[in-house]
Amino acid sequence: MTQPAAREVLTAQVATAVCEVPGVAFLKPSLSGLLRASIRSTTQGASRHSTEGVRLTPGEGRPSWTVSVHVVARRGHRALDVARAIREAATAALAVTSVNGQSPPPVTVSVTISGIV
């Protein structure tokens, strides 16, 4: 599997894990994602699953991952608790043993809760 394809698969795994966290309303799309979604909905129907609020990049130096997650939280949940649960879910989604039997690479997760609904 190529690096971009592997990154897409891992991004989808993280997005799925984050969306299952209690208190997460939805992943927050970027402006370009909103524009693409509106165009797609008028031409093909809306997409069921979006990874727009998750950005996964390889870390610098040794093998590692940097994950940036942008979400909107549900009212009635503490933002701090939701952010901690998102960090744990994203880290667990990427905690796979590498092919050569080494431990999983380190993961750095940043969480931004940009709204409450």
PDB file of N, CA and C in Angstrom:
ATOM      1  N   MET A   1       0.849  -1.173   0.000  1.00  0.00           N
ATOM      2  CA  MET A   1       0.000   0.000   0.000  1.00  0.00           C
ATOM      3  C   MET A   1       0.891   1.231   0.000  1.00  0.00           C
ATOM      4  N   THR A   2       0.577   2.188  -0.825  1.00  0.00           N
ATOM      5  CA  THR A   2       1.384   3.399  -0.920  1.00  0.00           C
ATOM      6  C   THR A   2       1.166   4.286   0.298  1.00  0.00           C
ATOM      7  N   GLN A   3       2.085   5.208   0.522  1.00  0.00           N
ATOM      8  CA  GLN A   3       1.992   6.110   1.675  1.00  0.00           C
ATOM      9  C   GLN A   3       0.693   6.923   1.686  1.00  0.00           C
ATOM     10  N   PRO A   4       0.289   7.567   0.551  1.00  0.00           N
ATOM     11  CA  PRO A   4      -0.972   8.310   0.577  1.00  0.00           C
ATOM     12  C   PRO A   4      -2.189   7.417   0.833  1.00  0.00           C
ATOM     13  N   ALA A   5      -2.192   6.214   0.256  1.00  0.00           N
ATOM     14  CA  ALA A   5      -3.321   5.301   0.478  1.00  0.00           C
ATOM     15  C   ALA A   5      -3.366   4.837   1.930  1.00  0.00           C
ATOM     16  N   ALA A   6      -2.209   4.541   2.499  1.00  0.00           N
ATOM     17  CA  ALA A   6      -2.153   4.135   3.902  1.00  0.00           C
ATOM     18  C   ALA A   6      -2.624   5.268   4.807  1.00  0.00           C
ATOM     19  N   ARG A   7      -2.237   6.498   4.477  1.00  0.00           N
ATOM     20  CA  ARG A   7      -2.655   7.641   5.280  1.00  0.00           C
ATOM     21  C   ARG A   7      -4.173   7.822   5.221  1.00  0.00           C
ATOM     22  N   GLU A   8      -4.769   7.616   4.049  1.00  0.00           N
ATOM     23  CA  GLU A   8      -6.232   7.723   3.920  1.00  0.00           C
ATOM     24  C   GLU A   8      -6.942   6.680   4.774  1.00  0.00           C
ATOM     25  N   VAL A   9      -6.424   5.458   4.771  1.00  0.00           N
ATOM     26  CA  VAL A   9      -7.025   4.386   5.577  1.00  0.00           C
ATOM     27  C   VAL A   9      -6.913   4.724   7.057  1.00  0.00           C
ATOM     28  N   LEU A  10      -5.728   5.159   7.493  1.00  0.00           N
ATOM     29  CA  LEU A  10      -5.540   5.512   8.902  1.00  0.00           C
ATOM     30  C   LEU A  10      -6.384   6.717   9.296  1.00  0.00           C
ATOM     31  N   THR A  11      -6.505   7.692   8.406  1.00  0.00           N
ATOM     32  CA  THR A  11      -7.343   8.859   8.683  1.00  0.00           C
ATOM     33  C   THR A  11      -8.798   8.430   8.862  1.00  0.00           C
ATOM     34  N   ALA A  12      -9.264   7.523   8.023  1.00  0.00           N
ATOM     35  CA  ALA A  12     -10.640   7.027   8.151  1.00  0.00           C
ATOM     36  C   ALA A  12     -10.831   6.275   9.458  1.00  0.00           C
ATOM     37  N   GLN A  13      -9.824   5.503   9.883  1.00  0.00           N
ATOM     38  CA  GLN A  13      -9.916   4.791  11.165  1.00  0.00           C
ATOM     39  C   GLN A  13     -10.005   5.771  12.330  1.00  0.00           C
ATOM     40  N   VAL A  14      -9.192   6.809  12.290  1.00  0.00           N
ATOM     41  CA  VAL A  14      -9.222   7.818  13.355  1.00  0.00           C
ATOM     42  C   VAL A  14     -10.561   8.546  13.349  1.00  0.00           C
ATOM     43  N   ALA A  15     -11.046   8.928  12.182  1.00  0.00           N
ATOM     44  CA  ALA A  15     -12.328   9.639  12.088  1.00  0.00           C
ATOM     45  C   ALA A  15     -13.465   8.790  12.638  1.00  0.00           C
ATOM     46  N   THR A  16     -13.480   7.515  12.314  1.00  0.00           N
ATOM     47  CA  THR A  16     -14.515   6.618  12.827  1.00  0.00           C
ATOM     48  C   THR A  16     -14.445   6.518  14.342  1.00  0.00           C
ATOM     49  N   ALA A  17     -13.229   6.363  14.872  1.00  0.00           N
ATOM     50  CA  ALA A  17     -13.053   6.259  16.322  1.00  0.00           C
ATOM     51  C   ALA A  17     -13.493   7.541  17.024  1.00  0.00           C
ATOM     52  N   VAL A  18     -13.144   8.688  16.450  1.00  0.00           N
ATOM     53  CA  VAL A  18     -13.508   9.976  17.058  1.00  0.00           C
ATOM     54  C   VAL A  18     -15.017  10.175  17.048  1.00  0.00           C
ATOM     55  N   CYS A  19     -15.671   9.821  15.957  1.00  0.00           N
ATOM     56  CA  CYS A  19     -17.122  10.011  15.858  1.00  0.00           C
ATOM     57  C   CYS A  19     -17.889   9.148  16.857  1.00  0.00           C
ATOM     58  N   GLU A  20     -17.274   8.067  17.348  1.00  0.00           N
ATOM     59  CA  GLU A  20     -17.925   7.190  18.322  1.00  0.00           C
ATOM     60  C   GLU A  20     -17.749   7.663  19.767  1.00  0.00           C
ATOM     61  N   VAL A  21     -16.943   8.696  19.973  1.00  0.00           N
ATOM     62  CA  VAL A  21     -16.709   9.217  21.323  1.00  0.00           C
ATOM     63  C   VAL A  21     -17.967   9.919  21.821  1.00  0.00           C
ATOM     64  N   PRO A  22     -18.438   9.584  23.033  1.00  0.00           N
ATOM     65  CA  PRO A  22     -19.598  10.289  23.578  1.00  0.00           C
ATOM     66  C   PRO A  22     -19.305  11.781  23.718  1.00  0.00           C
ATOM     67  N   GLY A  23     -20.235  12.595  23.274  1.00  0.00           N
ATOM     68  CA  GLY A  23     -20.072  14.035  23.353  1.00  0.00           C
ATOM     69  C   GLY A  23     -19.618  14.673  22.066  1.00  0.00           C
ATOM     70  N   VAL A  24     -19.239  13.869  21.061  1.00  0.00           N
ATOM     71  CA  VAL A  24     -18.843  14.415  19.761  1.00  0.00           C
ATOM     72  C   VAL A  24     -20.093  14.506  18.894  1.00  0.00           C
ATOM     73  N   ALA A  25     -20.417  15.722  18.450  1.00  0.00           N
ATOM     74  CA  ALA A  25     -21.556  15.899  17.558  1.00  0.00           C
ATOM     75  C   ALA A  25     -21.159  15.542  16.135  1.00  0.00           C
ATOM     76  N   PHE A  26     -20.052  16.109  15.660  1.00  0.00           N
ATOM     77  CA  PHE A  26     -19.552  15.801  14.319  1.00  0.00           C
ATOM     78  C   PHE A  26     -18.157  16.365  14.142  1.00  0.00           C
ATOM     79  N   LEU A  27     -17.456  15.843  13.135  1.00  0.00           N
ATOM     80  CA  LEU A  27     -16.164  16.397  12.751  1.00  0.00           C
ATOM     81  C   LEU A  27     -16.406  17.723  12.050  1.00  0.00           C
ATOM     82  N   LYS A  28     -15.601  18.713  12.356  1.00  0.00           N
ATOM     83  CA  LYS A  28     -15.803  20.041  11.766  1.00  0.00           C
ATOM     84  C   LYS A  28     -15.079  20.124  10.434  1.00  0.00           C
ATOM     85  N   PRO A  29     -15.829  20.270   9.346  1.00  0.00           N
ATOM     86  CA  PRO A  29     -15.190  20.377   8.037  1.00  0.00           C
ATOM     87  C   PRO A  29     -14.569  21.754   7.835  1.00  0.00           C
ATOM     88  N   SER A  30     -13.588  21.801   6.943  1.00  0.00           N
ATOM     89  CA  SER A  30     -12.994  23.083   6.571  1.00  0.00           C
ATOM     90  C   SER A  30     -13.903  23.772   5.564  1.00  0.00           C
ATOM     91  N   LEU A  31     -13.566  24.979   5.205  1.00  0.00           N
ATOM     92  CA  LEU A  31     -14.359  25.710   4.230  1.00  0.00           C
ATOM     93  C   LEU A  31     -14.394  24.969   2.894  1.00  0.00           C
ATOM     94  N   SER A  32     -13.244  24.440   2.473  1.00  0.00           N
ATOM     95  CA  SER A  32     -13.221  23.697   1.206  1.00  0.00           C
ATOM     96  C   SER A  32     -14.076  22.437   1.306  1.00  0.00           C
ATOM     97  N   GLY A  33     -14.090  21.804   2.476  1.00  0.00           N
ATOM     98  CA  GLY A  33     -14.938  20.634   2.664  1.00  0.00           C
ATOM     99  C   GLY A  33     -16.409  20.977   2.595  1.00  0.00           C
ATOM    100  N   LEU A  34     -16.776  22.129   3.158  1.00  0.00           N
ATOM    101  CA  LEU A  34     -18.168  22.562   3.078  1.00  0.00           C
ATOM    102  C   LEU A  34     -18.580  22.849   1.636  1.00  0.00           C
ATOM    103  N   LEU A  35     -17.696  23.489   0.887  1.00  0.00           N
ATOM    104  CA  LEU A  35     -17.999  23.779  -0.510  1.00  0.00           C
ATOM    105  C   LEU A  35     -18.109  22.495  -1.329  1.00  0.00           C
ATOM    106  N   ARG A  36     -17.183  21.557  -1.099  1.00  0.00           N
ATOM    107  CA  ARG A  36     -17.251  20.280  -1.807  1.00  0.00           C
ATOM    108  C   ARG A  36     -18.525  19.534  -1.463  1.00  0.00           C
ATOM    109  N   ALA A  37     -18.918  19.557  -0.188  1.00  0.00           N
ATOM    110  CA  ALA A  37     -20.127  18.856   0.239  1.00  0.00           C
ATOM    111  C   ALA A  37     -21.362  19.453  -0.409  1.00  0.00           C
ATOM    112  N   SER A  38     -21.408  20.784  -0.526  1.00  0.00           N
ATOM    113  CA  SER A  38     -22.586  21.397  -1.136  1.00  0.00           C
ATOM    114  C   SER A  38     -22.648  21.087  -2.627  1.00  0.00           C
ATOM    115  N   ILE A  39     -21.506  21.061  -3.285  1.00  0.00           N
ATOM    116  CA  ILE A  39     -21.482  20.709  -4.707  1.00  0.00           C
ATOM    117  C   ILE A  39     -21.865  19.247  -4.888  1.00  0.00           C
ATOM    118  N   ARG A  40     -21.310  18.374  -4.048  1.00  0.00           N
ATOM    119  CA  ARG A  40     -21.585  16.940  -4.131  1.00  0.00           C
ATOM    120  C   ARG A  40     -23.058  16.643  -3.862  1.00  0.00           C
ATOM    121  N   SER A  41     -23.656  17.359  -2.909  1.00  0.00           N
ATOM    122  CA  SER A  41     -25.053  17.095  -2.569  1.00  0.00           C
ATOM    123  C   SER A  41     -25.993  17.511  -3.694  1.00  0.00           C
ATOM    124  N   THR A  42     -25.610  18.506  -4.469  1.00  0.00           N
ATOM    125  CA  THR A  42     -26.469  18.919  -5.575  1.00  0.00           C
ATOM    126  C   THR A  42     -26.270  18.058  -6.803  1.00  0.00           C
ATOM    127  N   THR A  43     -25.107  17.391  -6.910  1.00  0.00           N
ATOM    128  CA  THR A  43     -24.845  16.583  -8.099  1.00  0.00           C
ATOM    129  C   THR A  43     -25.000  15.085  -7.873  1.00  0.00           C
ATOM    130  N   GLN A  44     -24.559  14.590  -6.705  1.00  0.00           N
ATOM    131  CA  GLN A  44     -24.523  13.143  -6.498  1.00  0.00           C
ATOM    132  C   GLN A  44     -25.238  12.675  -5.244  1.00  0.00           C
ATOM    133  N   GLY A  45     -25.616  13.540  -4.385  1.00  0.00           N
ATOM    134  CA  GLY A  45     -26.121  13.125  -3.077  1.00  0.00           C
ATOM    135  C   GLY A  45     -25.008  13.282  -2.060  1.00  0.00           C
ATOM    136  N   ALA A  46     -25.370  13.479  -0.833  1.00  0.00           N
ATOM    137  CA  ALA A  46     -24.386  13.761   0.210  1.00  0.00           C
ATOM    138  C   ALA A  46     -23.584  12.518   0.566  1.00  0.00           C
ATOM    139  N   SER A  47     -22.334  12.731   0.970  1.00  0.00           N
ATOM    140  CA  SER A  47     -21.465  11.650   1.406  1.00  0.00           C
ATOM    141  C   SER A  47     -21.878  11.209   2.810  1.00  0.00           C
ATOM    142  N   ARG A  48     -21.773   9.910   3.093  1.00  0.00           N
ATOM    143  CA  ARG A  48     -22.175   9.405   4.399  1.00  0.00           C
ATOM    144  C   ARG A  48     -21.088   9.603   5.452  1.00  0.00           C
ATOM    145  N   HIS A  49     -19.825   9.548   5.023  1.00  0.00           N
ATOM    146  CA  HIS A  49     -18.746   9.603   6.000  1.00  0.00           C
ATOM    147  C   HIS A  49     -17.690  10.590   5.535  1.00  0.00           C
ATOM    148  N   SER A  50     -17.328  11.501   6.411  1.00  0.00           N
ATOM    149  CA  SER A  50     -16.322  12.497   6.072  1.00  0.00           C
ATOM    150  C   SER A  50     -15.165  12.400   7.052  1.00  0.00           C
ATOM    151  N   THR A  51     -13.971  12.567   6.542  1.00  0.00           N
ATOM    152  CA  THR A  51     -12.781  12.620   7.391  1.00  0.00           C
ATOM    153  C   THR A  51     -12.221  14.037   7.411  1.00  0.00           C
ATOM    154  N   GLU A  52     -13.037  14.994   7.010  1.00  0.00           N
ATOM    155  CA  GLU A  52     -12.586  16.368   6.833  1.00  0.00           C
ATOM    156  C   GLU A  52     -12.025  16.988   8.109  1.00  0.00           C
ATOM    157  N   GLY A  53     -12.506  16.614   9.275  1.00  0.00           N
ATOM    158  CA  GLY A  53     -12.031  17.208  10.518  1.00  0.00           C
ATOM    159  C   GLY A  53     -10.800  16.552  11.097  1.00  0.00           C
ATOM    160  N   VAL A  54     -10.229  15.574  10.393  1.00  0.00           N
ATOM    161  CA  VAL A  54      -9.049  14.866  10.880  1.00  0.00           C
ATOM    162  C   VAL A  54      -7.907  15.067   9.894  1.00  0.00           C
ATOM    163  N   ARG A  55      -6.778  15.525  10.402  1.00  0.00           N
ATOM    164  CA  ARG A  55      -5.581  15.668   9.568  1.00  0.00           C
ATOM    165  C   ARG A  55      -4.489  14.803  10.185  1.00  0.00           C
ATOM    166  N   LEU A  56      -3.936  13.917   9.381  1.00  0.00           N
ATOM    167  CA  LEU A  56      -2.917  12.976   9.823  1.00  0.00           C
ATOM    168  C   LEU A  56      -1.658  13.219   9.002  1.00  0.00           C
ATOM    169  N   THR A  57      -0.557  13.528   9.668  1.00  0.00           N
ATOM    170  CA  THR A  57       0.700  13.766   8.966  1.00  0.00           C
ATOM    171  C   THR A  57       1.811  12.965   9.634  1.00  0.00           C
ATOM    172  N   PRO A  58       2.767  12.507   8.839  1.00  0.00           N
ATOM    173  CA  PRO A  58       3.921  11.819   9.437  1.00  0.00           C
ATOM    174  C   PRO A  58       4.722  12.803  10.275  1.00  0.00           C
ATOM    175  N   GLY A  59       5.222  12.323  11.398  1.00  0.00           N
ATOM    176  CA  GLY A  59       6.047  13.164  12.253  1.00  0.00           C
ATOM    177  C   GLY A  59       7.423  13.372  11.662  1.00  0.00           C
ATOM    178  N   GLU A  60       8.154  14.308  12.208  1.00  0.00           N
ATOM    179  CA  GLU A  60       9.501  14.590  11.722  1.00  0.00           C
ATOM    180  C   GLU A  60      10.485  13.618  12.358  1.00  0.00           C
ATOM    181  N   GLY A  61      11.527  13.286  11.609  1.00  0.00           N
ATOM    182  CA  GLY A  61      12.563  12.397  12.132  1.00  0.00           C
ATOM    183  C   GLY A  61      12.125  10.951  12.128  1.00  0.00           C
ATOM    184  N   ARG A  62      12.125  10.339  13.296  1.00  0.00           N
ATOM    185  CA  ARG A  62      11.776   8.917  13.400  1.00  0.00           C
ATOM    186  C   ARG A  62      10.312   8.686  13.059  1.00  0.00           C
ATOM    187  N   PRO A  63       9.935   7.444  12.780  1.00  0.00           N
ATOM    188  CA  PRO A  63       8.534   7.169  12.424  1.00  0.00           C
ATOM    189  C   PRO A  63       7.583   7.557  13.561  1.00  0.00           C
ATOM    190  N   SER A  64       6.667   8.434  13.261  1.00  0.00           N
ATOM    191  CA  SER A  64       5.656   8.868  14.226  1.00  0.00           C
ATOM    192  C   SER A  64       4.512   9.505  13.454  1.00  0.00           C
ATOM    193  N   TRP A  65       3.418   9.775  14.146  1.00  0.00           N
ATOM    194  CA  TRP A  65       2.257  10.422  13.535  1.00  0.00           C
ATOM    195  C   TRP A  65       1.876  11.654  14.330  1.00  0.00           C
ATOM    196  N   THR A  66       1.435  12.687  13.618  1.00  0.00           N
ATOM    197  CA  THR A  66       0.857  13.868  14.228  1.00  0.00           C
ATOM    198  C   THR A  66      -0.582  13.949  13.742  1.00  0.00           C
ATOM    199  N   VAL A  67      -1.519  13.993  14.687  1.00  0.00           N
ATOM    200  CA  VAL A  67      -2.944  13.994  14.360  1.00  0.00           C
ATOM    201  C   VAL A  67      -3.564  15.286  14.876  1.00  0.00           C
ATOM    202  N   SER A  68      -4.317  15.948  14.008  1.00  0.00           N
ATOM    203  CA  SER A  68      -5.063  17.141  14.383  1.00  0.00           C
ATOM    204  C   SER A  68      -6.541  16.852  14.157  1.00  0.00           C
ATOM    205  N   VAL A  69      -7.336  17.014  15.216  1.00  0.00           N
ATOM    206  CA  VAL A  69      -8.758  16.699  15.152  1.00  0.00           C
ATOM    207  C   VAL A  69      -9.558  17.957  15.496  1.00  0.00           C
ATOM    208  N   HIS A  70     -10.513  18.302  14.638  1.00  0.00           N
ATOM    209  CA  HIS A  70     -11.401  19.445  14.868  1.00  0.00           C
ATOM    210  C   HIS A  70     -12.830  18.913  14.933  1.00  0.00           C
ATOM    211  N   VAL A  71     -13.491  19.164  16.062  1.00  0.00           N
ATOM    212  CA  VAL A  71     -14.848  18.653  16.257  1.00  0.00           C
ATOM    213  C   VAL A  71     -15.770  19.727  16.819  1.00  0.00           C
ATOM    214  N   VAL A  72     -17.055  19.425  16.741  1.00  0.00           N
ATOM    215  CA  VAL A  72     -18.083  20.185  17.439  1.00  0.00           C
ATOM    216  C   VAL A  72     -18.661  19.229  18.471  1.00  0.00           C
ATOM    217  N   ALA A  73     -18.749  19.694  19.709  1.00  0.00           N
ATOM    218  CA  ALA A  73     -19.203  18.841  20.812  1.00  0.00           C
ATOM    219  C   ALA A  73     -20.700  19.023  21.059  1.00  0.00           C
ATOM    220  N   ARG A  74     -21.255  18.058  21.759  1.00  0.00           N
ATOM    221  CA  ARG A  74     -22.667  18.122  22.144  1.00  0.00           C
ATOM    222  C   ARG A  74     -22.800  18.847  23.483  1.00  0.00           C
ATOM    223  N   ARG A  75     -23.859  19.612  23.600  1.00  0.00           N
ATOM    224  CA  ARG A  75     -24.156  20.314  24.837  1.00  0.00           C
ATOM    225  C   ARG A  75     -24.387  19.281  25.950  1.00  0.00           C
ATOM    226  N   GLY A  76     -23.957  19.594  27.140  1.00  0.00           N
ATOM    227  CA  GLY A  76     -24.144  18.695  28.274  1.00  0.00           C
ATOM    228  C   GLY A  76     -22.934  17.818  28.549  1.00  0.00           C
ATOM    229  N   HIS A  77     -21.904  17.921  27.720  1.00  0.00           N
ATOM    230  CA  HIS A  77     -20.670  17.189  27.934  1.00  0.00           C
ATOM    231  C   HIS A  77     -19.551  18.192  28.200  1.00  0.00           C
ATOM    232  N   ARG A  78     -18.702  17.882  29.156  1.00  0.00           N
ATOM    233  CA  ARG A  78     -17.568  18.773  29.438  1.00  0.00           C
ATOM    234  C   ARG A  78     -16.564  18.685  28.307  1.00  0.00           C
ATOM    235  N   ALA A  79     -16.166  19.827  27.793  1.00  0.00           N
ATOM    236  CA  ALA A  79     -15.242  19.870  26.659  1.00  0.00           C
ATOM    237  C   ALA A  79     -13.919  19.175  26.989  1.00  0.00           C
ATOM    238  N   LEU A  80     -13.434  19.338  28.206  1.00  0.00           N
ATOM    239  CA  LEU A  80     -12.175  18.710  28.602  1.00  0.00           C
ATOM    240  C   LEU A  80     -12.288  17.191  28.556  1.00  0.00           C
ATOM    241  N   ASP A  81     -13.391  16.643  29.063  1.00  0.00           N
ATOM    242  CA  ASP A  81     -13.590  15.197  29.034  1.00  0.00           C
ATOM    243  C   ASP A  81     -13.700  14.674  27.607  1.00  0.00           C
ATOM    244  N   VAL A  82     -14.399  15.413  26.764  1.00  0.00           N
ATOM    245  CA  VAL A  82     -14.542  15.020  25.360  1.00  0.00           C
ATOM    246  C   VAL A  82     -13.180  15.051  24.675  1.00  0.00           C
ATOM    247  N   ALA A  83     -12.399  16.089  24.914  1.00  0.00           N
ATOM    248  CA  ALA A  83     -11.071  16.206  24.289  1.00  0.00           C
ATOM    249  C   ALA A  83     -10.161  15.066  24.732  1.00  0.00           C
ATOM    250  N   ARG A  84     -10.191  14.728  26.002  1.00  0.00           N
ATOM    251  CA  ARG A  84      -9.364  13.616  26.491  1.00  0.00           C
ATOM    252  C   ARG A  84      -9.789  12.292  25.861  1.00  0.00           C
ATOM    253  N   ALA A  85     -11.097  12.076  25.756  1.00  0.00           N
ATOM    254  CA  ALA A  85     -11.598  10.842  25.146  1.00  0.00           C
ATOM    255  C   ALA A  85     -11.236  10.779  23.661  1.00  0.00           C
ATOM    256  N   ILE A  86     -11.278  11.923  22.982  1.00  0.00           N
ATOM    257  CA  ILE A  86     -10.888  11.961  21.569  1.00  0.00           C
ATOM    258  C   ILE A  86      -9.413  11.614  21.428  1.00  0.00           C
ATOM    259  N   ARG A  87      -8.585  12.176  22.287  1.00  0.00           N
ATOM    260  CA  ARG A  87      -7.147  11.889  22.236  1.00  0.00           C
ATOM    261  C   ARG A  87      -6.893  10.398  22.440  1.00  0.00           C
ATOM    262  N   GLU A  88      -7.579   9.796  23.401  1.00  0.00           N
ATOM    263  CA  GLU A  88      -7.411   8.360  23.651  1.00  0.00           C
ATOM    264  C   GLU A  88      -7.906   7.527  22.469  1.00  0.00           C
ATOM    265  N   ALA A  89      -9.040   7.899  21.888  1.00  0.00           N
ATOM    266  CA  ALA A  89      -9.597   7.155  20.755  1.00  0.00           C
ATOM    267  C   ALA A  89      -8.690   7.250  19.533  1.00  0.00           C
ATOM    268  N   ALA A  90      -8.164   8.430  19.264  1.00  0.00           N
ATOM    269  CA  ALA A  90      -7.274   8.606  18.113  1.00  0.00           C
ATOM    270  C   ALA A  90      -5.981   7.832  18.305  1.00  0.00           C
ATOM    271  N   THR A  91      -5.435   7.876  19.511  1.00  0.00           N
ATOM    272  CA  THR A  91      -4.206   7.136  19.791  1.00  0.00           C
ATOM    273  C   THR A  91      -4.441   5.639  19.658  1.00  0.00           C
ATOM    274  N   ALA A  92      -5.561   5.148  20.175  1.00  0.00           N
ATOM    275  CA  ALA A  92      -5.877   3.720  20.075  1.00  0.00           C
ATOM    276  C   ALA A  92      -6.103   3.295  18.628  1.00  0.00           C
ATOM    277  N   ALA A  93      -6.698   4.162  17.817  1.00  0.00           N
ATOM    278  CA  ALA A  93      -6.942   3.831  16.409  1.00  0.00           C
ATOM    279  C   ALA A  93      -5.643   3.685  15.633  1.00  0.00           C
ATOM    280  N   LEU A  94      -4.605   4.368  16.075  1.00  0.00           N
ATOM    281  CA  LEU A  94      -3.311   4.286  15.391  1.00  0.00           C
ATOM    282  C   LEU A  94      -2.345   3.313  16.056  1.00  0.00           C
ATOM    283  N   ALA A  95      -2.750   2.708  17.169  1.00  0.00           N
ATOM    284  CA  ALA A  95      -1.867   1.806  17.911  1.00  0.00           C
ATOM    285  C   ALA A  95      -1.849   0.431  17.265  1.00  0.00           C
ATOM    286  N   VAL A  96      -1.225   0.362  16.118  1.00  0.00           N
ATOM    287  CA  VAL A  96      -1.077  -0.908  15.427  1.00  0.00           C
ATOM    288  C   VAL A  96       0.400  -1.279  15.439  1.00  0.00           C
ATOM    289  N   THR A  97       0.676  -2.546  15.568  1.00  0.00           N
ATOM    290  CA  THR A  97       2.060  -3.000  15.549  1.00  0.00           C
ATOM    291  C   THR A  97       2.571  -2.939  14.122  1.00  0.00           C
ATOM    292  N   SER A  98       3.754  -2.429  13.956  1.00  0.00           N
ATOM    293  CA  SER A  98       4.325  -2.312  12.614  1.00  0.00           C
ATOM    294  C   SER A  98       4.634  -3.690  12.050  1.00  0.00           C
ATOM    295  N   VAL A  99       4.881  -3.742  10.771  1.00  0.00           N
ATOM    296  CA  VAL A  99       5.077  -5.006  10.067  1.00  0.00           C
ATOM    297  C   VAL A  99       6.246  -5.799  10.615  1.00  0.00           C
ATOM    298  N   ASN A 100       7.318  -5.139  10.989  1.00  0.00           N
ATOM    299  CA  ASN A 100       8.503  -5.855  11.456  1.00  0.00           C
ATOM    300  C   ASN A 100       8.459  -6.183  12.945  1.00  0.00           C
ATOM    301  N   GLY A 101       7.308  -6.096  13.567  1.00  0.00           N
ATOM    302  CA  GLY A 101       7.134  -6.529  14.954  1.00  0.00           C
ATOM    303  C   GLY A 101       7.551  -5.515  16.000  1.00  0.00           C
ATOM    304  N   GLN A 102       7.897  -4.314  15.597  1.00  0.00           N
ATOM    305  CA  GLN A 102       8.268  -3.289  16.571  1.00  0.00           C
ATOM    306  C   GLN A 102       7.017  -2.706  17.202  1.00  0.00           C
ATOM    307  N   SER A 103       7.232  -1.956  18.271  1.00  0.00           N
ATOM    308  CA  SER A 103       6.094  -1.305  18.923  1.00  0.00           C
ATOM    309  C   SER A 103       5.533  -0.218  18.016  1.00  0.00           C
ATOM    310  N   PRO A 104       4.276   0.193  18.251  1.00  0.00           N
ATOM    311  CA  PRO A 104       3.674   1.234  17.413  1.00  0.00           C
ATOM    312  C   PRO A 104       4.462   2.541  17.500  1.00  0.00           C
ATOM    313  N   PRO A 105       4.461   3.314  16.419  1.00  0.00           N
ATOM    314  CA  PRO A 105       5.178   4.596  16.458  1.00  0.00           C
ATOM    315  C   PRO A 105       4.477   5.573  17.393  1.00  0.00           C
ATOM    316  N   PRO A 106       5.208   6.535  17.942  1.00  0.00           N
ATOM    317  CA  PRO A 106       4.597   7.528  18.817  1.00  0.00           C
ATOM    318  C   PRO A 106       3.559   8.364  18.063  1.00  0.00           C
ATOM    319  N   VAL A 107       2.529   8.774  18.800  1.00  0.00           N
ATOM    320  CA  VAL A 107       1.445   9.560  18.216  1.00  0.00           C
ATOM    321  C   VAL A 107       1.272  10.832  19.036  1.00  0.00           C
ATOM    322  N   THR A 108       1.203  11.964  18.346  1.00  0.00           N
ATOM    323  CA  THR A 108       0.894  13.240  18.970  1.00  0.00           C
ATOM    324  C   THR A 108      -0.471  13.682  18.466  1.00  0.00           C
ATOM    325  N   VAL A 109      -1.410  13.917  19.404  1.00  0.00           N
ATOM    326  CA  VAL A 109      -2.777  14.262  19.023  1.00  0.00           C
ATOM    327  C   VAL A 109      -3.115  15.643  19.575  1.00  0.00           C
ATOM    328  N   SER A 110      -3.603  16.534  18.702  1.00  0.00           N
ATOM    329  CA  SER A 110      -4.129  17.808  19.168  1.00  0.00           C
ATOM    330  C   SER A 110      -5.630  17.835  18.836  1.00  0.00           C
ATOM    331  N   VAL A 111      -6.409  18.319  19.790  1.00  0.00           N
ATOM    332  CA  VAL A 111      -7.858  18.345  19.651  1.00  0.00           C
ATOM    333  C   VAL A 111      -8.334  19.778  19.773  1.00  0.00           C
ATOM    334  N   THR A 112      -9.166  20.196  18.820  1.00  0.00           N
ATOM    335  CA  THR A 112      -9.787  21.509  18.864  1.00  0.00           C
ATOM    336  C   THR A 112     -11.291  21.321  18.863  1.00  0.00           C
ATOM    337  N   ILE A 113     -11.937  21.809  19.914  1.00  0.00           N
ATOM    338  CA  ILE A 113     -13.400  21.794  19.963  1.00  0.00           C
ATOM    339  C   ILE A 113     -13.829  23.210  19.606  1.00  0.00           C
ATOM    340  N   SER A 114     -14.423  23.337  18.429  1.00  0.00           N
ATOM    341  CA  SER A 114     -14.705  24.660  17.902  1.00  0.00           C
ATOM    342  C   SER A 114     -16.137  25.112  18.102  1.00  0.00           C
ATOM    343  N   GLY A 115     -16.943  24.292  18.701  1.00  0.00           N
ATOM    344  CA  GLY A 115     -18.326  24.701  18.945  1.00  0.00           C
ATOM    345  C   GLY A 115     -19.066  23.669  19.773  1.00  0.00           C
ATOM    346  N   ILE A 116     -20.236  24.070  20.246  1.00  0.00           N
ATOM    347  CA  ILE A 116     -21.096  23.184  21.037  1.00  0.00           C
ATOM    348  C   ILE A 116     -22.508  23.324  20.486  1.00  0.00           C
ATOM    349  N   VAL A 117     -23.133  22.186  20.202  1.00  0.00           N
ATOM    350  CA  VAL A 117     -24.521  22.195  19.704  1.00  0.00           C
ATOM    351  C   VAL A 117     -25.399  21.399  20.646  1.00  0.00           C
TER     352      VAL A 117
END
